[in-house]
Protein backbone atom coordinates (compact mmCIF):
# COMPACT_ATOMS: atom_id res chain seq x y z
CA MET A 1 0.00 0.00 0.00
CA ALA A 2 1.18 3.51 -0.72
CA ASN A 3 2.57 5.60 2.14
CA SER A 4 -0.32 8.02 1.92
CA ASP A 5 -2.73 5.20 2.53
CA GLN A 6 -0.85 4.02 5.57
CA THR A 7 -0.64 7.52 6.97
CA GLN A 8 -4.35 8.09 6.53
CA GLY A 9 -5.44 4.77 8.00
CA GLY A 10 -2.63 4.33 10.50
CA TYR A 11 -2.58 0.64 9.53
CA ARG A 12 0.55 -1.50 9.37
CA PHE A 13 0.25 -4.77 7.47
CA LEU A 14 1.42 -7.94 9.14
CA PRO A 15 3.68 -10.70 7.77
CA LEU A 16 1.78 -12.73 5.24
CA ASN A 17 3.26 -16.08 6.18
CA ALA A 18 2.39 -15.59 9.87
CA LEU A 19 -1.19 -14.66 8.99
CA ILE A 20 -1.55 -17.75 6.72
CA PHE A 21 -0.22 -20.02 9.47
CA VAL A 22 -2.60 -18.64 12.12
CA LEU A 23 -5.47 -18.80 9.69
CA ALA A 24 -4.72 -22.47 8.91
CA LEU A 25 -4.61 -23.23 12.64
CA LEU A 26 -7.92 -21.49 13.25
CA LEU A 27 -9.59 -23.22 10.31
CA LEU A 28 -8.36 -26.60 11.61
CA CYS A 29 -9.87 -25.77 15.00
CA LYS A 30 -13.11 -24.73 13.29
CA LEU A 31 -13.31 -27.99 11.35
CA SER A 32 -12.65 -29.92 14.56
CA PHE A 33 -15.33 -27.97 16.39
CA THR A 34 -17.80 -28.67 13.57
CA LEU A 35 -17.21 -32.43 13.53
CA PHE A 36 -16.37 -33.37 17.08
CA THR A 37 -18.15 -31.14 19.58
CA LYS A 38 -21.46 -32.30 21.03
CA VAL A 39 -24.72 -31.01 19.69
CA ALA A 40 -25.79 -27.99 21.76
CA ALA A 41 -29.26 -28.13 23.38
CA ASP A 42 -30.59 -25.23 21.32
CA GLU A 43 -29.14 -26.71 18.13
CA ALA A 44 -31.32 -29.76 18.71
CA TYR A 45 -34.32 -27.56 19.46
CA TYR A 46 -33.84 -25.64 16.20
CA TRP A 47 -33.36 -28.91 14.30
CA LEU A 48 -36.81 -29.86 15.55
CA TRP A 49 -38.21 -26.64 14.08
CA GLY A 50 -36.87 -27.84 10.74
CA GLN A 51 -38.90 -31.02 11.10
CA LYS A 52 -42.11 -29.04 11.70
CA LEU A 53 -42.04 -26.25 9.13
CA GLY A 54 -44.26 -23.26 9.81
CA TRP A 55 -44.72 -19.59 8.97
CA SER A 56 -42.48 -18.68 11.92
CA TYR A 57 -41.73 -19.70 15.50
CA PHE A 58 -42.12 -18.43 19.04
CA ASP A 59 -38.43 -17.75 19.74
CA HIS A 60 -37.18 -16.60 16.32
CA PRO A 61 -38.14 -16.04 12.66
CA PRO A 62 -38.14 -19.14 10.44
CA LEU A 63 -35.41 -19.00 7.78
CA ASN A 64 -32.78 -20.90 9.79
CA ALA A 65 -35.29 -23.64 10.59
CA TRP A 66 -36.26 -23.94 6.93
CA VAL A 67 -32.59 -24.30 6.00
CA LEU A 68 -32.03 -26.92 8.70
CA GLY A 69 -35.02 -28.85 7.54
CA LEU A 70 -33.75 -28.87 3.97
CA SER A 71 -30.25 -29.94 5.03
CA ASP A 72 -31.69 -32.78 7.14
CA GLN A 73 -33.79 -34.02 4.22
CA ILE A 74 -30.74 -34.13 1.98
CA PHE A 75 -27.97 -35.30 4.36
CA GLY A 76 -29.91 -37.02 7.11
CA THR A 77 -29.98 -36.62 10.93
CA ASN A 78 -26.27 -36.51 11.72
CA ILE A 79 -23.63 -33.94 12.51
CA ILE A 80 -23.00 -33.21 8.85
CA GLY A 81 -26.66 -32.72 8.06
CA LEU A 82 -27.01 -30.53 11.09
CA ARG A 83 -23.99 -28.22 10.76
CA LEU A 84 -23.38 -28.12 7.02
CA PRO A 85 -25.52 -24.94 6.67
CA ALA A 86 -23.02 -23.13 8.95
CA VAL A 87 -20.13 -24.30 6.77
CA VAL A 88 -21.87 -22.87 3.71
CA THR A 89 -22.74 -19.54 5.36
CA PHE A 90 -19.22 -19.17 6.71
CA ALA A 91 -17.89 -19.66 3.19
CA GLY A 92 -20.27 -16.91 2.13
CA THR A 93 -19.01 -14.69 4.96
CA LEU A 94 -15.45 -15.22 3.78
CA TYR A 95 -16.46 -14.15 0.26
CA VAL A 96 -18.08 -10.98 1.59
CA MET A 97 -14.94 -10.19 3.58
CA TRP A 98 -12.90 -10.60 0.43
CA LEU A 99 -15.18 -8.12 -1.38
CA PHE A 100 -14.73 -5.61 1.43
CA ALA A 101 -10.91 -6.11 1.39
CA GLN A 102 -10.77 -5.44 -2.37
CA ARG A 103 -12.73 -2.20 -2.04
CA LEU A 104 -11.07 -0.90 1.14
CA PHE A 105 -7.47 -1.90 0.29
CA PRO A 106 -7.32 -2.48 -3.48
CA THR A 107 -3.47 -2.73 -3.51
CA GLU A 108 -3.21 -4.86 -0.36
CA SER A 109 -6.44 -6.81 -0.46
CA LYS A 110 -4.92 -10.19 0.39
CA ASN A 111 -3.25 -8.96 3.56
CA SER A 112 -6.28 -6.99 4.79
CA PHE A 113 -8.53 -9.98 4.02
CA LEU A 114 -6.36 -12.26 6.13
CA ILE A 115 -6.41 -9.74 8.97
CA MET A 116 -10.22 -9.61 8.89
CA VAL A 117 -10.58 -13.38 8.87
CA VAL A 118 -7.98 -14.04 11.55
CA VAL A 119 -9.39 -11.45 13.92
CA PHE A 120 -12.92 -12.67 13.23
CA LEU A 121 -12.09 -16.31 13.93
CA ALA A 122 -10.00 -15.45 16.99
CA SER A 123 -13.11 -13.89 18.56
CA PRO A 124 -14.45 -16.88 20.55
CA THR A 125 -18.09 -15.95 20.09
CA LEU A 126 -17.83 -15.31 16.33
CA PHE A 127 -15.80 -18.52 15.97
CA VAL A 128 -18.48 -20.64 17.64
CA TRP A 129 -21.54 -18.82 16.37
CA THR A 130 -20.45 -19.34 12.76
CA THR A 131 -19.84 -23.04 13.48
CA ILE A 132 -22.96 -24.22 15.29
CA VAL A 133 -26.40 -23.73 13.82
CA TYR A 134 -27.91 -21.13 16.08
CA HIS A 135 -29.56 -18.47 13.91
CA ASP A 136 -26.50 -16.21 14.04
CA HIS A 137 -24.46 -18.06 11.42
CA LEU A 138 -27.08 -17.19 8.76
CA MET A 139 -27.96 -13.74 10.13
CA LEU A 140 -24.28 -12.63 10.18
CA PHE A 141 -23.65 -13.77 6.58
CA LEU A 142 -26.82 -12.04 5.31
CA CYS A 143 -26.21 -8.84 7.27
CA LEU A 144 -22.57 -8.54 6.18
CA ALA A 145 -23.61 -9.17 2.56
CA ALA A 146 -26.39 -6.57 2.89
CA THR A 147 -23.90 -4.11 4.41
CA TYR A 148 -21.57 -4.54 1.47
CA CYS A 149 -24.34 -3.99 -1.09
CA PHE A 150 -25.78 -0.95 0.73
CA THR A 151 -22.33 0.55 1.07
CA ASP A 152 -21.51 -0.05 -2.56
CA TYR A 153 -24.74 1.45 -3.82
CA PHE A 154 -24.65 4.47 -1.47
CA ALA A 155 -21.01 5.20 -2.40
CA ARG A 156 -21.81 5.02 -6.08
CA PHE A 157 -24.91 7.14 -5.66
CA ALA A 158 -22.93 9.82 -3.80
CA GLU A 159 -20.73 10.15 -6.86
CA ASP A 160 -23.30 9.46 -9.59
CA ARG A 161 -27.02 9.80 -8.87
CA GLU A 162 -27.88 7.82 -12.00
CA THR A 163 -25.99 4.76 -10.90
CA ASP A 164 -27.62 1.32 -11.37
CA VAL A 165 -30.11 0.49 -8.62
CA LYS A 166 -29.78 -3.30 -8.82
CA ARG A 167 -27.32 -3.35 -5.91
CA LEU A 168 -29.87 -1.41 -3.76
CA TYR A 169 -32.56 -4.03 -4.35
CA LEU A 170 -30.12 -6.86 -3.69
CA ALA A 171 -29.17 -5.19 -0.42
CA ALA A 172 -32.82 -4.86 0.55
CA LEU A 173 -33.47 -8.53 -0.24
CA LEU A 174 -30.49 -9.66 1.83
CA LEU A 175 -31.59 -7.45 4.72
CA GLY A 176 -35.09 -8.90 4.53
CA LEU A 177 -33.74 -12.43 4.60
CA ALA A 178 -31.57 -11.52 7.57
CA GLY A 179 -34.72 -10.26 9.33
CA LEU A 180 -36.38 -13.52 8.42
CA THR A 181 -33.57 -15.23 10.30
CA LYS A 182 -33.20 -13.15 13.49
CA TYR A 183 -34.82 -10.00 14.76
CA ALA A 184 -31.40 -8.45 15.52
CA ALA A 185 -31.12 -7.66 11.79
CA ALA A 186 -33.49 -4.79 12.50
CA PHE A 187 -30.53 -2.83 13.87
CA LEU A 188 -28.94 -2.80 10.43
CA GLY A 189 -32.22 -1.69 8.84
CA VAL A 190 -32.52 1.24 11.28
CA SER A 191 -28.90 2.15 10.64
CA VAL A 192 -29.43 2.17 6.88
CA ALA A 193 -32.31 4.61 7.33
CA LEU A 194 -30.24 6.82 9.63
CA VAL A 195 -27.30 6.87 7.20
CA VAL A 196 -29.60 8.11 4.42
CA LEU A 197 -31.26 10.71 6.65
CA THR A 198 -28.02 12.10 8.08
CA SER A 199 -25.97 12.27 4.85
CA ALA A 200 -26.36 15.26 2.59
CA SER A 201 -25.11 13.28 -0.38
CA LEU A 202 -27.67 10.50 0.20
CA ARG A 203 -30.77 12.48 1.16
CA PRO A 204 -31.75 12.94 -2.52
CA LEU A 205 -32.66 9.24 -2.39
CA LEU A 206 -35.70 10.30 -0.43
CA LEU A 207 -37.01 12.07 -3.51
CA ARG A 208 -36.83 8.89 -5.59
CA PRO A 209 -39.06 5.80 -5.50
CA HIS A 210 -36.35 3.19 -5.32
CA ILE A 211 -35.45 3.62 -1.65
CA TYR A 212 -39.11 3.10 -0.73
CA LEU A 213 -39.58 0.16 -3.05
CA ALA A 214 -36.43 -1.40 -1.57
CA GLY A 215 -37.92 -0.93 1.88
CA LEU A 216 -41.11 -2.66 0.74
CA LEU A 217 -39.02 -5.57 -0.52
CA THR A 218 -37.36 -5.90 2.92
CA PHE A 219 -40.72 -5.72 4.60
CA ALA A 220 -42.20 -8.32 2.22
CA CYS A 221 -39.58 -10.80 3.35
CA MET A 222 -40.95 -10.52 6.86
CA ILE A 223 -44.52 -11.43 5.91
CA PRO A 224 -44.25 -15.02 7.27
CA VAL A 225 -43.24 -13.60 10.67
CA LEU A 226 -46.14 -11.17 10.66
CA ILE A 227 -48.59 -13.91 9.67
CA TRP A 228 -47.42 -16.14 12.56
CA ASN A 229 -47.56 -13.33 15.09
CA MET A 230 -51.05 -12.26 13.95
CA GLN A 231 -52.21 -15.82 14.37
CA ASN A 232 -50.63 -16.15 17.81
CA ASP A 233 -51.45 -12.86 19.56
CA TRP A 234 -48.04 -11.27 18.72
CA ALA A 235 -46.38 -13.77 21.06
CA SER A 236 -42.91 -13.65 19.51
CA PHE A 237 -42.69 -9.85 19.48
CA GLN A 238 -43.97 -9.72 23.04
CA LEU A 239 -41.36 -12.23 24.15
CA HIS A 240 -38.46 -10.20 22.76
CA LEU A 241 -39.72 -6.78 23.79
CA SER A 242 -41.23 -7.49 27.17
CA ASP A 243 -41.79 -10.98 28.62
CA ARG A 244 -38.21 -12.17 28.87
CA TYR A 245 -37.17 -9.31 31.16
CA GLU A 246 -37.51 -9.34 34.93
CA LEU A 247 -38.26 -5.61 35.24
CA ASN A 248 -40.72 -3.36 33.45
CA ALA A 249 -39.44 -0.30 31.66
CA PHE A 250 -38.39 2.48 34.07
CA GLU A 251 -38.96 0.17 37.06
CA GLY A 252 -35.35 0.11 38.21
CA ILE A 253 -31.96 -1.43 37.44
CA ASN A 254 -31.09 -5.09 37.68
CA ALA A 255 -27.45 -4.68 38.59
CA GLY A 256 -26.63 -8.38 38.25
CA THR A 257 -27.81 -8.82 34.66
CA PHE A 258 -26.35 -5.45 33.73
CA ALA A 259 -22.88 -6.37 35.02
CA ARG A 260 -23.02 -9.86 33.50
CA TYR A 261 -23.81 -8.45 30.08
CA LEU A 262 -20.91 -6.01 30.14
CA PHE A 263 -18.41 -8.54 31.51
CA SER A 264 -19.39 -11.47 29.25
CA THR A 265 -19.52 -9.25 26.15
CA ALA A 266 -15.94 -8.01 26.69
CA LEU A 267 -14.66 -11.47 27.64
CA TYR A 268 -16.22 -13.69 25.01
CA PHE A 269 -15.75 -11.44 21.97
CA GLY A 270 -12.20 -10.62 23.01
CA VAL A 271 -11.04 -8.07 25.56
CA PHE A 272 -8.55 -6.57 23.13
CA LEU A 273 -11.34 -5.70 20.72
CA LEU A 274 -12.54 -3.07 23.19
CA ILE A 275 -9.81 -0.74 21.87
CA PRO A 276 -10.96 -0.79 18.22
CA LEU A 277 -14.56 -0.71 19.48
CA VAL A 278 -13.80 2.74 20.80
CA GLY A 279 -11.53 3.55 17.87
CA ILE A 280 -14.16 2.99 15.19
CA ILE A 281 -16.25 5.83 16.68
CA TRP A 282 -13.31 8.26 16.59
CA PRO A 283 -13.76 10.88 13.81
CA ARG A 284 -11.39 10.61 10.89
CA ARG A 285 -11.15 11.26 7.12
CA TYR A 286 -11.52 8.44 4.63
CA GLN A 287 -9.92 8.14 1.26
CA THR A 288 -12.97 6.77 -0.58
CA SER A 289 -16.74 7.19 -0.45
CA PHE A 290 -17.04 3.41 0.05
CA ALA A 291 -14.93 3.54 3.26
CA HIS A 292 -16.74 6.64 4.52
CA VAL A 293 -20.24 5.20 3.99
CA GLY A 294 -19.30 1.74 5.26
CA VAL A 295 -17.80 2.97 8.47
CA ARG A 296 -20.76 5.30 9.04
CA LEU A 297 -23.13 2.38 8.63
CA ALA A 298 -21.04 0.26 11.00
CA GLN A 299 -20.82 3.04 13.57
CA ILE A 300 -24.54 3.56 13.74
CA THR A 301 -25.28 -0.17 13.89
CA ILE A 302 -22.76 -0.65 16.71
CA LEU A 303 -23.98 2.34 18.72
CA THR A 304 -27.69 1.64 18.35
CA SER A 305 -27.55 -2.08 19.01
CA MET A 306 -25.17 -1.97 21.95
CA ALA A 307 -26.93 1.00 23.55
CA ILE A 308 -30.26 -0.82 23.43
CA PHE A 309 -28.76 -4.03 24.77
CA VAL A 310 -27.19 -2.11 27.66
CA VAL A 311 -30.56 -0.61 28.50
CA PHE A 312 -32.31 -3.97 28.27
CA ALA A 313 -29.59 -5.63 30.33
CA ALA A 314 -30.61 -3.35 33.20
CA ARG A 315 -34.12 -4.89 32.99
CA GLY A 316 -33.19 -8.57 32.79
CA THR A 317 -31.03 -11.16 31.13
CA VAL A 318 -29.43 -10.05 27.85
CA HIS A 319 -27.01 -12.52 26.34
CA TRP A 320 -23.63 -11.21 25.23
CA TYR A 321 -23.84 -12.85 21.83
CA TRP A 322 -26.75 -10.62 20.86
CA SER A 323 -24.00 -8.11 20.04
CA ASP A 324 -22.39 -10.33 17.43
CA LEU A 325 -23.43 -8.18 14.47
CA ALA A 326 -21.79 -5.12 16.08
CA TYR A 327 -18.51 -6.96 16.56
CA ALA A 328 -18.60 -8.49 13.08
CA LEU A 329 -19.01 -5.05 11.49
CA LEU A 330 -16.23 -3.70 13.72
CA ILE A 331 -13.83 -6.33 12.44
CA ILE A 332 -14.66 -5.71 8.81
CA PHE A 333 -13.58 -2.06 9.03
CA MET A 334 -10.90 -2.46 11.72
CA PRO A 335 -7.96 -2.64 9.25
CA ILE A 336 -8.70 0.99 8.26
CA PHE A 337 -7.77 2.44 11.60
CA MET A 338 -5.99 -0.27 13.61
CA ARG A 339 -2.54 1.04 14.52
CA TRP A 340 -0.93 -1.65 16.66
CA ALA A 341 0.10 -5.04 15.38
CA TRP A 342 0.65 -6.21 18.96
CA LEU A 343 -3.04 -5.74 19.72
CA ILE A 344 -4.02 -8.06 16.85
CA TRP A 345 -1.58 -10.75 18.04
CA ALA A 346 -2.74 -10.39 21.63
CA HIS A 347 -6.35 -10.86 20.46
CA VAL A 348 -5.31 -13.92 18.42
CA VAL A 349 -3.37 -15.58 21.27
CA THR A 350 -6.13 -15.09 23.86
CA GLY A 351 -8.73 -16.20 21.31
CA ILE A 352 -6.86 -19.45 20.56
CA VAL A 353 -6.69 -20.18 24.28
CA PHE A 354 -10.45 -19.76 24.59
CA ILE A 355 -11.04 -21.87 21.48
CA ALA A 356 -8.78 -24.68 22.75
CA TYR A 357 -10.73 -24.60 25.99
CA GLY A 358 -13.99 -24.78 24.09
CA LEU A 359 -12.82 -27.73 22.01
CA MET A 360 -11.84 -29.67 25.09
CA THR A 361 -15.00 -28.74 26.98
CA TYR A 362 -17.53 -29.40 24.24
CA ALA A 363 -15.86 -32.41 22.61
CA ILE A 364 -14.28 -34.41 25.46
CA VAL A 365 -15.06 -33.26 29.00
CA PRO A 366 -16.04 -29.98 30.70
CA VAL A 367 -12.67 -28.54 31.74
CA GLU A 368 -14.10 -26.63 34.71
CA LEU A 369 -14.73 -29.97 36.47
CA TYR A 370 -10.96 -30.24 37.06
CA PHE A 371 -11.14 -27.00 39.01
CA GLY A 372 -14.04 -28.06 41.16
CA GLN A 373 -16.62 -26.01 39.28
CA ASN A 374 -20.16 -27.04 38.40
CA GLY A 375 -20.36 -28.20 34.76
CA LEU A 376 -24.10 -28.78 34.57
CA GLU A 377 -24.78 -26.31 31.72
CA VAL A 378 -22.19 -27.95 29.53
CA GLY A 379 -22.98 -31.37 30.97
CA ARG A 380 -26.45 -31.35 29.40
CA MET A 381 -24.74 -31.83 26.02
CA TYR A 382 -23.22 -35.16 27.13
CA GLY A 383 -24.67 -38.58 27.82
CA TRP A 384 -27.36 -38.87 25.19
CA ASP A 385 -25.74 -42.04 23.94
CA GLN A 386 -26.72 -43.46 27.36
CA VAL A 387 -30.10 -41.71 27.72
CA VAL A 388 -31.56 -42.74 24.39
CA PRO A 389 -31.06 -46.54 24.70
CA LYS A 390 -32.63 -46.46 28.16
CA VAL A 391 -35.62 -44.49 26.85
CA GLU A 392 -36.06 -46.86 23.90
CA ARG A 393 -35.84 -49.88 26.21
CA HIS A 394 -38.51 -48.52 28.56
CA LEU A 395 -40.79 -47.59 25.68
CA ASP A 396 -40.49 -51.09 24.27
CA GLN A 397 -40.90 -52.89 27.59
CA LEU A 398 -43.88 -50.81 28.71
CA GLY A 399 -45.51 -50.74 25.28
CA ILE A 400 -46.14 -46.99 25.36
CA GLU A 401 -45.72 -44.42 22.60
CA HIS A 402 -45.41 -40.97 24.12
CA VAL A 403 -42.21 -39.44 25.54
CA GLY A 404 -41.20 -35.95 26.60
CA GLY A 405 -38.82 -33.86 28.65
CA THR A 406 -39.28 -31.48 31.53
CA LEU A 407 -37.88 -28.48 29.64
CA TYR A 408 -38.01 -27.45 26.00
CA VAL A 409 -34.27 -27.98 25.43
CA SER A 410 -34.23 -31.52 26.83
CA ALA A 411 -37.37 -32.21 24.75
CA GLY A 412 -35.46 -30.92 21.70
CA GLN A 413 -32.50 -33.16 22.49
CA LEU A 414 -34.78 -36.13 22.88
CA ALA A 415 -36.29 -35.35 19.51
CA TYR A 416 -32.94 -35.08 17.79
CA TYR A 417 -31.34 -38.19 19.23
CA LEU A 418 -34.52 -40.28 18.84
CA ASP A 419 -34.97 -38.74 15.37
CA ARG A 420 -38.68 -38.14 15.96
CA ALA A 421 -40.71 -34.93 16.02
CA ASP A 422 -43.60 -36.03 18.26
CA ILE A 423 -41.79 -35.29 21.52
CA TYR A 424 -43.52 -33.37 24.36
CA ASP A 425 -42.30 -30.53 26.58
CA PHE A 426 -43.97 -30.98 30.00
CA ALA A 427 -42.57 -27.78 31.59
CA ALA A 428 -44.50 -24.66 32.51
CA LYS A 429 -42.09 -22.38 30.62
CA GLU A 430 -43.56 -21.23 27.34
CA SER A 431 -41.78 -22.51 24.23
CA GLN A 432 -42.50 -23.45 20.63
CA PHE A 433 -44.06 -26.65 22.00
CA ASN A 434 -47.03 -24.58 23.14
CA TYR A 435 -47.76 -23.67 19.53
CA TRP A 436 -47.46 -27.26 18.36
CA ASP A 437 -49.86 -28.32 21.06
CA GLN A 438 -47.17 -30.62 22.45
CA LYS A 439 -47.42 -29.81 26.13
CA ASN A 440 -50.17 -32.30 27.07
CA ILE A 441 -50.50 -35.84 25.78
CA PRO A 442 -54.08 -37.10 25.12
CA ALA A 443 -56.13 -37.65 28.28
CA GLY A 444 -55.89 -41.09 29.86
CA GLU A 445 -52.69 -42.14 28.07
CA ASP A 446 -49.25 -42.89 29.50
CA ALA A 447 -45.83 -41.42 28.71
CA LEU A 448 -42.18 -41.56 29.61
CA VAL A 449 -40.86 -38.36 31.23
CA VAL A 450 -37.13 -37.62 31.04
CA HIS A 451 -35.96 -35.24 33.72
CA ASP A 452 -32.61 -33.50 34.48
CA PRO A 453 -31.49 -30.83 37.02
CA PHE A 454 -32.80 -28.05 34.80
CA GLY A 455 -36.28 -29.49 34.30
CA ASP A 456 -39.67 -28.60 35.73
CA LEU A 457 -40.79 -31.82 37.37
CA ASP A 458 -43.55 -30.14 39.39
CA THR A 459 -45.52 -29.18 36.31
CA ALA A 460 -44.88 -32.59 34.73
CA LYS A 461 -46.49 -34.20 37.82
CA GLN A 462 -49.64 -32.13 37.30
CA ARG A 463 -50.08 -33.61 33.83
CA PHE A 464 -50.47 -37.21 35.10
CA GLU A 465 -52.47 -38.97 37.77
CA THR A 466 -49.28 -40.67 38.95
CA LEU A 467 -45.61 -40.18 38.14
CA THR A 468 -43.35 -43.08 39.10
CA LEU A 469 -39.54 -43.06 39.02
CA LEU A 470 -38.24 -45.87 36.85
CA GLU A 471 -34.54 -45.11 36.78
CA ARG A 472 -31.97 -42.55 37.87
CA PHE A 473 -28.41 -42.53 36.56
CA ASN A 474 -25.36 -40.31 36.36
CA ILE A 475 -23.41 -39.29 33.28
CA ASN A 476 -19.77 -39.86 34.20
CA LEU A 477 -16.87 -38.41 32.17
CA MET A 478 -13.29 -39.33 33.12
CA GLY A 479 -14.28 -39.91 36.70
CA PHE A 480 -16.53 -36.84 37.04
CA ASP A 481 -20.30 -36.91 37.36
CA VAL A 482 -21.40 -34.08 35.04
CA LEU A 483 -25.15 -34.58 35.10
CA TRP A 484 -27.91 -36.89 36.28
CA TYR A 485 -31.07 -38.01 34.52
CA GLU A 486 -34.30 -39.52 35.81
CA ILE A 487 -36.82 -41.47 33.73
CA TYR A 488 -40.38 -41.50 35.01
CA LEU A 489 -43.55 -43.29 33.96
CA GLY A 490 -46.46 -40.90 33.80
CA GLU A 491 -49.82 -42.71 33.93
CA ASN A 492 -53.33 -41.57 33.05
CA ALA A 493 -52.61 -38.18 31.56
CA THR A 494 -54.68 -35.31 32.98
CA PRO A 495 -54.16 -32.35 30.58
CA ILE A 496 -53.87 -28.92 32.22
CA ASP A 497 -54.50 -25.44 30.89
CA ASP A 498 -51.15 -24.03 29.76
CA GLU A 499 -52.57 -20.54 29.50
CA LEU A 500 -53.27 -20.71 33.21
CA ILE A 501 -49.80 -22.15 33.85
CA LYS A 502 -48.25 -19.19 31.98
CA VAL A 503 -50.08 -16.80 34.28
CA LEU A 504 -49.13 -18.68 37.44
CA TYR A 505 -45.48 -18.80 36.43
CA ALA A 506 -45.24 -15.26 35.10
CA PRO A 507 -42.49 -13.05 36.61
CA LYS A 508 -43.68 -11.41 39.84
CA SER A 509 -43.28 -7.97 38.35
CA ARG A 510 -46.03 -8.82 35.85
CA LEU A 511 -48.61 -10.24 38.20
C-alpha cells in the first residue's frame, strides 16, 4: 500500500506467512469444532423446528429452521446434516470479507482480508456462532452481505445519482432475509435509514421511489413472521420486547444482569477488541466514499444495538452474543484504523486459548470440572448415547408411545437423538411446543418423562395422575459426574390449561 494510505489509516500490514499459518490453525480448529463437539441443546431444538415447518416460531423467525429442515432431508440426521448450513454460510461470509478487502485496500487486499478473517475467527463468540447452527451463522452472513451491497450502492450514488439501482434491491433482499432469520437484523435496517437521513449526499434518495420500493421488498420478506404473530397474539414480538425481562421499563436497574452483560460481552468477543470498538467511533477522514459510507453504517449499527442491549440488560437477562453483528462489522472495518500489530496478536493468542478450552470442553469433558466447578450447563450436552437406549428400552418394555422432557431444550435433544418430532415438553415455561400443542398428551394415556437438574418436574407431575420413578443414573466423564437423569412413567394423563400455567409462572413484576 502507498505511504499516503498508511498515513491516513494508520494501519501496518502484518507478515503474510504468519497470517496464513494462524489462519490455517484457526480453520483446523473450526473444522474440529464442527465435527467433534457435542450438539448444543438449542441446536437440537432448532433442528426440531426444521422437522415441523411453519410460517415462523415463538423464539425466532423461520429461515434458519427452513434451511435446517432442507439440510436434514438431503444429508440425514447426523452432525454433517445438522451443521453443514453453517459451513456454507461461513464460506459466504469469507467471500463478503474478500469483497470488502478489495474495495477498502485495493493494492493490499490479500493482507487486509487475512487480517479480517484471523481477527474474526479469533473472537471466541464469532468462531463458535459461525460453526454451530444457532440463527446467528445465517444472520451474520446475510447482514454482512447486505452491508456490502448498501455501502457499494450508497457510495456510487454519492458520486453518480444515475448509478444502477440493482445493488440497492439486492441489499434490501439480503436485509429482509436476515430479518427472516433473526430480529437483531433490524438494527442494520434502522442504521441504513439513519445513514440516508443524516448524509447530505444520500438524502436525494428520499425524492426517488427506489429507496421506498427497496424498503417494501425488505418488509415483504418478513410477511411469514407477521402472519405467525397475527395468528398467535403477537407472542414472539412480546417475548423479545417484554416478557423475557425481569423488570418493566423504568422500574429500576437489575445490577446483576447489567454487570453480566458487560463482562461477558468483553470477555467472550475478546477483551482486546474493546480498543478498536472505541476507535471505530473516533472521527477521521476516509480516502474513498465506500470507506466513509461503510464505516458510518457500521458506527450507527454498533452504537444503536449496543446502547439498546445495555438498557435492556438493566431490565433482565441479555445474552452477550446478541452483540455479534456489532463486533462482526467492527472487524470488517478495523484494518482501516488499527494502529498496533501487537493488539491483533494479543487478540489472536487469547482467542486461541479460549477456542482450545472450548474444543476440550464441548468435545471431550467440561474442563471446569478439574477446577471443582459445576459443569451442569455444559454437561447437558453429554450422555445422550446413554439416555436414548434407556428411553427406547422402557418404551419397548412398557409398550407406550409418548415421551417428553421437563424443559423445551431436553425435549429438543430427545427429539434429535430419537430422530422423531412427536416429543412433548412438559414444563410450565412457554416454548414453541405450546404452539405445536405438544405440552399435554391425550387424556388417559401414559408417557415416559425424562428429567434432568434443569427441568420442571412439578408441572410434569400435574399432567399425570401418577408419576413413578423408573430409573436414575449419572453421566460420568473421566471420573466426574457431570449430570444426572431420571426417567419416570407418567400414567393416566390429565391435561392442564397451559394458558393458566403461563399466568401462574409469570415473573412477579407482571402479576
